[in-house]
């Protein structure tokens, strides 16, 4: 959606506020926390979905495969309280922890998942973790992680994009100079040229660059055992780039005429939105409905049982390979003086 022209005069105010906020920490007026643990900040320069959480989950998985204990710290966006909490696997309630934290905990039960408004407070709750991944940390100036990993969607790398609120950028492309690693997400399935991308973005040779693709599985049943057979279904997504994701689903399912409902990121699936889902299922005579793993975390048992439900699970595939990603992570941590404690 094209932003209103009324937003353009606000861009300098956003830029000034951002600069002043950053300056308070860089000048020492406000304190910056330097954790002793190995802490990996995963962030972006775009508002909305850029693949931060899928990358974090992929990194957690490959670290666990190599014997490292892991923790994941999220603000817990959308939760009702503000307490610092360890996510309880026995009660994955998005009202308590937020949908993303519940999704990560469900997919990676051996990872310690924490929600905290201040990332440093969350890190303190995982003192024994070998490596801690912190969500949305690139503009979190009160924390100095070991490394900054930034995600950027392939189709949003243009230097012509505007800062908020007139465009999607939290910061300009020049902010990438602070990153230790850049992962270009949602790359075309036929691959991409990382060297050409590095030149296009004018990246320093010291910044590791990798490319990633999103791989989607076929819909899996939830709350029932009826296999997916291509039946008519309503597609529902409440993600950072909902409309784009829904178009990808339609192509993946070979269902160009499927009815869709695009909701804002973290949108509630109760109240008016649930009424809209019910109405669209009935109007379109859909035999089922499909949503994402993140949206599934916000559904009640009653909603799951109301209509045949399927979930499209997606995963991140690093074009250069998972080993290359881990090797870069290990190399960069060692360079910062915090080598990963890999078991011998």
Foldseek 3Di string as FASTA:
>chain_A
DADDPVWVVCQVVLVVVLVVVLVCDVVPVDAADEDPAAEEEEAAFFFFDQCRLLVVLLVCVVCVVLPFAEEEEEQLPPADDADKDWQDLVDLASNHRNLSLSLSCVVCVRYTYIHHNQRVVNVVVCVPGNYYYYYHCLSVNNYDHLFYEYGGEPVPLDQPAGDPPSGGGNDGLVSCQRHQEYEHEQDDPVDDDQVVVCVVSVYDPRYHYWYKHKDKDPWDWDPDHDDDDLFQAEEEEAGRPQVVVVCVVCVVSVNNPHHYDYHHHSDACDDPNVVVRVVVCVVVVGQEYEYESSVVSRDDPCSSPPGTYIYMYMHMAIPVGPVVVVVSVQVSSVVSVSHRPRDD
